[in-house]
Structures are given as C-alpha cells and as structure tokens.
Amino acid sequence: MAAGSEALSYADRKSGSQVISLTGRNAIFRALCLSSAILVLAVLAGILIAMFIGGWPAFREFGLGFFTGSAWDTQNDQYGAWPAIAGTLSTAVIALIIGVPLSLGIAVFLTQLAPGWVRTPVATAVELLAAVPSIIYGMWGLFVFVPLFARFFQVPVSNLTEGLPIVGTILYSRSPTGLGVATAGIILAFMIVPFIASIARDMLAQIPTVLRESAYGIGCTTWEVVRYVLLPQAGVSIIGAIMLGLGRALGETMAVTFVIGNANRLSSSILDPGSTIASRIANEFNEALGLQMSALIATGCILFLVTFVVLVVARLLVARMKAL
C-alpha cells in the first residue's frame, strides 16, 4: 500500500509539473505573439510620426496648397505635390486596367484550361517574374520597350488623334519619345501580374472540385463556370490580391523613374512625361536641403496616407463580399 501510494503521489506530481510547464510555455508563446504584434504597430506608428515631423515645415508653409499646387521650384522654394500625386494615381490605375484582366486570365488558364505539360512551366515563369528586381524592369523598359512603344504606338496614335476633342487631349503626345505616364503604367502592369496571378491561381485551385463538376454536369460552359462559380467563391481573395498589386504599383520607384520622363508638370495626356511621388523622391532626395527636403518627406507622407486609404477600401470591399 505504501509503495502504491508513493507511485500515485509521484504520478500526480509529474502530471502537475507537466501542466505547469505547458502553462508556462503557453504564456511565453502568447507573450511572443503579442510582442510581435506590438512591434509591428510601433514601427508603423514610428514611421508615420517621423515622416509627419519631417514634412511638417512644408505642410505649415504651404497648407492645403501643397496638396493642390503644381509648382515645384527649387530655386524659389515653392512646392506643390499635385502633379506627383496625379502621376502616382494615374500610373497605378493604368497598371490595374492592364494587369488585373491579364492576371485573372493567367489564373483561369492555369487552373481550368492548361494541359499538365504546360501548367507547370507557365506557373514557374509567372512566379519568376516576381523575383525580377525592379531596376531590371526599368532598364528593360528604357532600352527595349520605350523605343518600340514610341515607334509603334505613340507616333501613330498621336497622328490619328491630333485635333480630336477629348480623345486627342488624352492620347496626343507633343514629343513622342516613348517616355510617359502610360509607359510607366504598362511597366507596372507587368510588375504586378505575378503577385495577382499567383494568389488568384492558388485560390481558384483550392475551390472544391465538386462545385466545378456540378456546374459542368448541369450543362454550364467553361465561361459560366468561371463567372458564376469560381470567381464568386474566390472573390474575397482576388480583391486582396488586387489590392496587394495596387500597393506595389503605388510605391514602385526605380522602374517608374526610368520610364516616366520625370517632368515636374501636369499634363492632360497620358502619353506625355510626368512624375510620381516615389520617382520625385528618388530623383531629388540626395541633393535636397531645407524646405525642399521637408517637401519631399511631406510627399512621402501623402503616399503613406494614399496607401492607407487603399487598405481601408480593400477592407470595406472584403467585408462587403463576405456579407453577400
């Protein structure tokens, strides 16, 4: 009896120590996870505060005129960010218009139409595009794409649209060198395609096969299966992928700097040179002093806020899709 009681007591103590050990490990794990989350928030808040402090002299000097002004005169310290803001938004919109349909087409092809011997090489090639450095895209765009774009698109389109109302304003270039907002948007489209296509492909591939087979069983075509079965099922994830690509397009620097022309003016034509917030900072940051430096940091703060607004819109769209 004594030996049995001692063995039972030892088992109880061992079990209690294991419970305490697991509780301690769980507490450490929770603390590490909480610390990681707090660290991310602290870094984010630190970046925003530092940028706001750095750009405050420009905000204080020009007020709302800094957002709406178009002058960027380093000699007289007159700065307005609107051309750069408009260029950033224009290139991002062009990139989405071109990149989103292309990405979804790739994703649908890889999951629904491609034979096995084609699927793997194409998927690998798409993923490799994401690993190409942005400066390579910029160099390829400047030395290869820009001359071809000027010769086969800008010059013919400018000749056709010259003098036409509205269309002539948007698609006429006074100096068709190939550099411009549209060129930057096209390069950005190729840069965001791998991200959107890869995520969309993975989400479409995870949709249960029974849903597709059921749709085909009642006589649906491939288009109807994609339109009414696959896209609604993966809609939330696809929106997230699109917003990820938009974030990449808004913040891209080197590739855009190579091909946008870096003109500090606001043009109504997407074929004319322009600038973005990122390209302006990249071009002038090394030599900026005083109020010019504050103006550049202030434009960076604006880009941060634009990205935040995009994130909020993405969250609202996702919430709406989940509610449907």
Protein backbone atom coordinates (compact mmCIF):
# COMPACT_ATOMS: atom_id res chain seq x y z
CA MET A 1 0.00 0.00 0.00
CA ALA A 2 2.80 2.40 0.85
CA ALA A 3 4.59 1.67 -2.42
CA GLY A 4 1.36 2.15 -4.36
CA SER A 5 0.60 5.44 -2.67
CA GLU A 6 4.12 6.66 -3.31
CA ALA A 7 3.83 5.74 -7.00
CA LEU A 8 0.47 7.53 -7.23
CA SER A 9 1.87 10.58 -5.49
CA TYR A 10 4.83 10.62 -7.90
CA ALA A 11 2.47 10.38 -10.88
CA ASP A 12 0.38 13.24 -9.53
CA ARG A 13 3.46 15.41 -9.01
CA LYS A 14 4.72 14.60 -12.52
CA SER A 15 1.34 15.41 -14.04
CA GLY A 16 1.18 18.66 -12.09
CA SER A 17 4.65 19.67 -13.20
CA GLN A 18 3.74 18.95 -16.83
CA VAL A 19 0.64 21.13 -16.52
CA ILE A 20 2.72 23.95 -15.03
CA SER A 21 5.31 23.50 -17.77
CA LEU A 22 2.67 23.65 -20.51
CA THR A 23 1.08 26.69 -18.88
CA GLY A 24 4.44 28.45 -18.78
CA ARG A 25 5.17 27.63 -22.39
CA ASN A 26 1.74 28.85 -23.42
CA ALA A 27 2.30 32.12 -21.54
CA ILE A 28 5.68 32.60 -23.24
CA PHE A 29 4.14 31.85 -26.63
CA ARG A 30 1.32 34.36 -26.06
CA ALA A 31 3.83 36.99 -24.91
CA LEU A 32 5.98 36.48 -28.01
CA CYS A 33 2.97 36.75 -30.32
CA LEU A 34 1.74 39.88 -28.52
CA SER A 35 5.24 41.39 -28.72
CA SER A 36 5.37 40.75 -32.45
CA ALA A 37 2.04 42.47 -33.00
CA ILE A 38 3.02 45.43 -30.80
CA LEU A 39 6.37 45.72 -32.58
CA VAL A 40 4.68 45.99 -35.98
CA LEU A 41 2.30 48.67 -34.69
CA ALA A 42 5.15 50.54 -33.04
CA VAL A 43 7.25 50.52 -36.23
CA LEU A 44 4.25 51.69 -38.27
CA ALA A 45 3.46 54.48 -35.83
CA GLY A 46 7.13 55.47 -35.69
CA ILE A 47 7.37 55.72 -39.48
CA LEU A 48 4.23 57.83 -39.71
CA ILE A 49 5.27 60.16 -36.87
CA ALA A 50 8.79 60.60 -38.24
CA MET A 51 7.51 61.38 -41.72
CA PHE A 52 4.92 63.84 -40.40
CA ILE A 53 7.52 65.63 -38.29
CA GLY A 54 9.93 65.76 -41.21
CA GLY A 55 7.28 67.10 -43.58
CA TRP A 56 5.67 69.50 -41.12
CA PRO A 57 7.66 72.57 -42.31
CA ALA A 58 6.24 72.08 -45.82
CA PHE A 59 2.71 71.50 -44.56
CA ARG A 60 2.99 74.58 -42.34
CA GLU A 61 4.44 76.74 -45.11
CA PHE A 62 2.02 75.86 -47.91
CA GLY A 63 -1.02 74.45 -46.12
CA LEU A 64 -3.61 72.86 -48.41
CA GLY A 65 -1.84 74.49 -51.32
CA PHE A 66 0.82 71.84 -51.00
CA PHE A 67 -1.76 69.21 -51.99
CA THR A 68 -3.31 71.21 -54.82
CA GLY A 69 -0.35 73.25 -56.10
CA SER A 70 1.51 72.29 -59.27
CA ALA A 71 4.66 74.40 -58.92
CA TRP A 72 7.90 72.67 -57.95
CA ASP A 73 10.51 75.42 -57.97
CA THR A 74 13.63 74.53 -56.03
CA GLN A 75 15.20 77.94 -56.68
CA ASN A 76 12.38 79.89 -55.04
CA ASP A 77 11.30 77.21 -52.56
CA GLN A 78 7.80 76.86 -53.99
CA TYR A 79 6.44 73.34 -53.85
CA GLY A 80 3.17 71.66 -54.80
CA ALA A 81 2.60 67.93 -54.83
CA TRP A 82 -0.45 67.61 -57.08
CA PRO A 83 1.39 66.61 -60.31
CA ALA A 84 3.22 63.86 -58.44
CA ILE A 85 0.01 62.73 -56.72
CA ALA A 86 -1.86 62.66 -60.05
CA GLY A 87 1.01 60.79 -61.70
CA THR A 88 1.05 58.20 -58.91
CA LEU A 89 -2.68 57.57 -59.17
CA SER A 90 -2.66 57.58 -63.00
CA THR A 91 0.11 55.04 -63.34
CA ALA A 92 -1.48 52.80 -60.70
CA VAL A 93 -4.88 52.92 -62.44
CA ILE A 94 -3.32 52.12 -65.83
CA ALA A 95 -1.42 49.23 -64.24
CA LEU A 96 -4.65 47.83 -62.76
CA ILE A 97 -6.60 48.22 -66.01
CA ILE A 98 -3.99 46.20 -67.87
CA GLY A 99 -2.70 43.91 -65.14
CA VAL A 100 -5.90 42.67 -63.48
CA PRO A 101 -7.54 41.11 -66.59
CA LEU A 102 -4.19 39.65 -67.64
CA SER A 103 -3.62 38.17 -64.18
CA LEU A 104 -7.08 36.66 -63.95
CA GLY A 105 -6.71 35.25 -67.45
CA ILE A 106 -3.46 33.57 -66.43
CA ALA A 107 -5.02 32.20 -63.24
CA VAL A 108 -8.06 30.79 -65.05
CA PHE A 109 -5.90 29.29 -67.80
CA LEU A 110 -3.60 27.56 -65.32
CA THR A 111 -6.44 26.13 -63.22
CA GLN A 112 -9.07 25.34 -65.85
CA LEU A 113 -7.68 25.13 -69.36
CA ALA A 114 -3.96 24.38 -69.40
CA PRO A 115 -2.83 20.80 -70.03
CA GLY A 116 -0.49 19.30 -67.47
CA TRP A 117 2.66 19.67 -69.56
CA VAL A 118 2.02 23.41 -69.95
CA ARG A 119 0.75 24.24 -66.46
CA THR A 120 3.97 23.81 -64.51
CA PRO A 121 6.32 25.75 -66.87
CA VAL A 122 3.89 28.66 -67.20
CA ALA A 123 3.27 28.82 -63.44
CA THR A 124 7.02 28.76 -62.79
CA ALA A 125 7.62 31.53 -65.33
CA VAL A 126 4.93 33.70 -63.74
CA GLU A 127 6.43 33.22 -60.30
CA LEU A 128 9.92 34.01 -61.61
CA LEU A 129 8.65 37.39 -62.81
CA ALA A 130 8.03 38.32 -59.18
CA ALA A 131 11.70 37.73 -58.40
CA VAL A 132 12.99 40.09 -61.09
CA PRO A 133 14.40 43.26 -59.45
CA SER A 134 12.54 46.45 -60.24
CA ILE A 135 15.66 48.07 -61.68
CA ILE A 136 15.77 45.30 -64.32
CA TYR A 137 12.21 46.15 -65.30
CA GLY A 138 13.25 49.78 -65.52
CA MET A 139 16.30 49.09 -67.69
CA TRP A 140 14.32 46.78 -69.98
CA GLY A 141 11.59 49.39 -70.21
CA LEU A 142 14.02 52.21 -71.05
CA PHE A 143 16.23 50.43 -73.57
CA VAL A 144 13.78 47.98 -75.17
CA PHE A 145 10.14 48.90 -74.54
CA VAL A 146 10.34 52.70 -74.78
CA PRO A 147 11.71 52.83 -78.38
CA LEU A 148 9.18 50.24 -79.55
CA PHE A 149 6.32 51.99 -77.76
CA ALA A 150 7.26 55.34 -79.31
CA ARG A 151 7.57 53.94 -82.83
CA PHE A 152 4.59 51.63 -82.99
CA PHE A 153 2.12 53.30 -80.61
CA GLN A 154 2.83 56.88 -79.62
CA VAL A 155 3.64 58.22 -83.08
CA PRO A 156 0.71 56.55 -84.94
CA VAL A 157 -1.80 57.30 -82.17
CA SER A 158 -0.66 60.93 -81.89
CA ASN A 159 -1.04 61.37 -85.64
CA LEU A 160 -4.55 59.89 -85.55
CA THR A 161 -5.82 61.77 -82.52
CA GLU A 162 -4.28 65.20 -83.16
CA GLY A 163 -7.01 67.83 -83.03
CA LEU A 164 -9.75 65.46 -81.86
CA PRO A 165 -11.80 66.51 -78.82
CA ILE A 166 -11.25 64.59 -75.57
CA VAL A 167 -9.50 61.64 -77.21
CA GLY A 168 -6.94 63.96 -78.75
CA THR A 169 -6.37 65.53 -75.36
CA ILE A 170 -5.76 62.22 -73.61
CA LEU A 171 -3.85 60.32 -76.33
CA TYR A 172 -1.88 63.04 -78.11
CA SER A 173 1.80 63.46 -77.32
CA ARG A 174 3.69 66.60 -78.26
CA SER A 175 7.01 64.77 -78.09
CA PRO A 176 6.51 61.03 -78.70
CA THR A 177 9.76 59.79 -77.21
CA GLY A 178 8.19 56.73 -75.59
CA LEU A 179 8.60 58.12 -72.08
CA GLY A 180 5.43 58.99 -70.21
CA VAL A 181 2.75 58.11 -67.73
CA ALA A 182 1.25 55.39 -69.94
CA THR A 183 4.66 53.76 -70.37
CA ALA A 184 5.16 53.66 -66.61
CA GLY A 185 1.68 52.22 -66.15
CA ILE A 186 2.37 49.42 -68.64
CA ILE A 187 5.66 48.52 -66.95
CA LEU A 188 3.91 48.50 -63.58
CA ALA A 189 1.24 46.21 -65.03
CA PHE A 190 3.88 43.59 -65.86
CA MET A 191 5.33 44.01 -62.37
CA ILE A 192 2.05 43.38 -60.53
CA VAL A 193 0.88 40.50 -62.72
CA PRO A 194 2.93 37.81 -60.89
CA PHE A 195 1.51 38.77 -57.49
CA ILE A 196 -2.14 38.91 -58.54
CA ALA A 197 -1.93 35.87 -60.83
CA SER A 198 -0.20 33.65 -58.28
CA ILE A 199 -2.64 34.42 -55.46
CA ALA A 200 -5.67 34.15 -57.77
CA ARG A 201 -4.40 30.83 -59.13
CA ASP A 202 -3.92 29.38 -55.65
CA MET A 203 -7.38 30.49 -54.57
CA LEU A 204 -9.08 29.09 -57.67
CA ALA A 205 -7.21 25.81 -57.26
CA GLN A 206 -8.49 25.44 -53.68
CA ILE A 207 -12.16 25.61 -54.68
CA PRO A 208 -13.71 22.15 -54.18
CA THR A 209 -13.79 20.13 -57.39
CA VAL A 210 -17.36 19.06 -56.72
CA LEU A 211 -18.57 22.62 -57.36
CA ARG A 212 -16.98 22.73 -60.80
CA GLU A 213 -18.14 19.23 -61.69
CA SER A 214 -21.67 20.05 -60.60
CA ALA A 215 -21.72 23.14 -62.80
CA TYR A 216 -20.40 21.20 -65.77
CA GLY A 217 -22.93 18.45 -65.04
CA ILE A 218 -25.90 20.79 -65.49
CA GLY A 219 -24.52 21.97 -68.83
CA CYS A 220 -22.54 25.09 -67.94
CA THR A 221 -19.79 26.22 -70.27
CA THR A 222 -16.28 26.98 -69.05
CA TRP A 223 -17.06 30.71 -69.08
CA GLU A 224 -20.18 30.17 -67.00
CA VAL A 225 -18.29 28.01 -64.52
CA VAL A 226 -15.63 30.70 -64.13
CA ARG A 227 -18.10 33.57 -63.99
CA TYR A 228 -20.77 32.12 -61.71
CA VAL A 229 -18.89 29.53 -59.63
CA LEU A 230 -15.16 30.18 -59.37
CA LEU A 231 -14.96 33.98 -59.22
CA PRO A 232 -17.69 34.38 -56.58
CA GLN A 233 -16.07 31.69 -54.43
CA ALA A 234 -12.62 33.29 -54.65
CA GLY A 235 -13.83 36.90 -54.83
CA VAL A 236 -12.53 37.98 -51.41
CA SER A 237 -9.06 36.59 -52.04
CA ILE A 238 -8.93 38.07 -55.54
CA ILE A 239 -9.78 41.51 -54.16
CA GLY A 240 -6.98 41.12 -51.63
CA ALA A 241 -4.58 40.14 -54.43
CA ILE A 242 -5.61 43.17 -56.49
CA MET A 243 -5.03 45.49 -53.55
CA LEU A 244 -1.63 43.91 -52.97
CA GLY A 245 -0.77 44.65 -56.59
CA LEU A 246 -2.09 48.19 -56.25
CA GLY A 247 0.13 48.74 -53.23
CA ARG A 248 3.12 47.58 -55.27
CA ALA A 249 2.16 49.92 -58.12
CA LEU A 250 1.71 52.94 -55.84
CA GLY A 251 5.09 52.58 -54.17
CA GLU A 252 7.27 51.43 -57.08
CA THR A 253 10.29 53.67 -57.51
CA MET A 254 13.17 52.65 -59.76
CA ALA A 255 11.26 51.13 -62.66
CA VAL A 256 8.95 54.16 -62.83
CA THR A 257 11.86 56.60 -62.55
CA PHE A 258 13.45 55.06 -65.64
CA VAL A 259 10.44 55.34 -67.96
CA ILE A 260 8.06 58.08 -66.78
CA GLY A 261 10.15 61.02 -68.03
CA ASN A 262 10.37 62.78 -64.63
CA ALA A 263 8.73 66.00 -65.80
CA ASN A 264 7.53 68.28 -63.00
CA ARG A 265 4.36 69.29 -64.75
CA LEU A 266 0.76 68.15 -65.02
CA SER A 267 -0.37 67.10 -68.47
CA SER A 268 -3.81 66.00 -69.63
CA SER A 269 -2.27 63.38 -71.92
CA ILE A 270 -1.19 60.03 -70.53
CA LEU A 271 1.44 59.81 -73.28
CA ASP A 272 3.33 62.87 -72.03
CA PRO A 273 6.13 62.64 -69.44
CA GLY A 274 5.19 63.08 -65.80
CA SER A 275 6.30 62.06 -62.35
CA THR A 276 5.16 60.12 -59.32
CA ILE A 277 5.78 60.70 -55.65
CA ALA A 278 8.29 57.85 -55.50
CA SER A 279 10.16 58.94 -58.64
CA ARG A 280 10.37 62.55 -57.46
CA ILE A 281 11.80 61.49 -54.11
CA ALA A 282 14.31 59.20 -55.83
CA ASN A 283 15.48 61.94 -58.19
CA GLU A 284 15.87 64.75 -55.67
CA PHE A 285 16.46 63.23 -52.26
CA ASN A 286 20.26 63.09 -52.45
CA GLU A 287 20.60 66.82 -53.18
CA ALA A 288 17.65 68.15 -51.17
CA LEU A 289 18.17 70.57 -48.28
CA GLY A 290 15.95 72.68 -46.07
CA LEU A 291 12.41 73.21 -47.28
CA GLN A 292 12.96 71.01 -50.32
CA MET A 293 13.80 68.08 -48.06
CA SER A 294 10.69 68.78 -45.99
CA ALA A 295 8.58 68.89 -49.16
CA LEU A 296 9.92 65.52 -50.29
CA ILE A 297 9.23 63.97 -46.88
CA ALA A 298 5.75 65.50 -46.98
CA THR A 299 5.08 63.86 -50.34
CA GLY A 300 6.19 60.58 -48.81
CA CYS A 301 3.70 61.15 -46.02
CA ILE A 302 0.99 61.71 -48.63
CA LEU A 303 1.94 58.44 -50.32
CA PHE A 304 1.66 56.72 -46.95
CA LEU A 305 -1.83 58.13 -46.48
CA VAL A 306 -2.86 57.11 -50.01
CA THR A 307 -1.72 53.57 -49.29
CA PHE A 308 -3.67 53.62 -46.02
CA VAL A 309 -6.81 54.72 -47.86
CA VAL A 310 -6.32 51.88 -50.34
CA LEU A 311 -6.08 49.44 -47.45
CA VAL A 312 -9.28 50.79 -45.89
CA VAL A 313 -11.11 50.48 -49.22
CA ALA A 314 -9.84 46.91 -49.58
CA ARG A 315 -11.12 46.04 -46.12
CA LEU A 316 -14.54 47.52 -46.93
CA LEU A 317 -14.74 45.58 -50.19
CA VAL A 318 -13.75 42.35 -48.47
CA ALA A 319 -16.33 42.91 -45.74
CA ARG A 320 -19.00 43.59 -48.35
CA MET A 321 -18.07 40.44 -50.31
CA LYS A 322 -18.28 38.35 -47.14
CA ALA A 323 -21.70 39.79 -46.36
CA LEU A 324 -23.13 38.79 -49.75
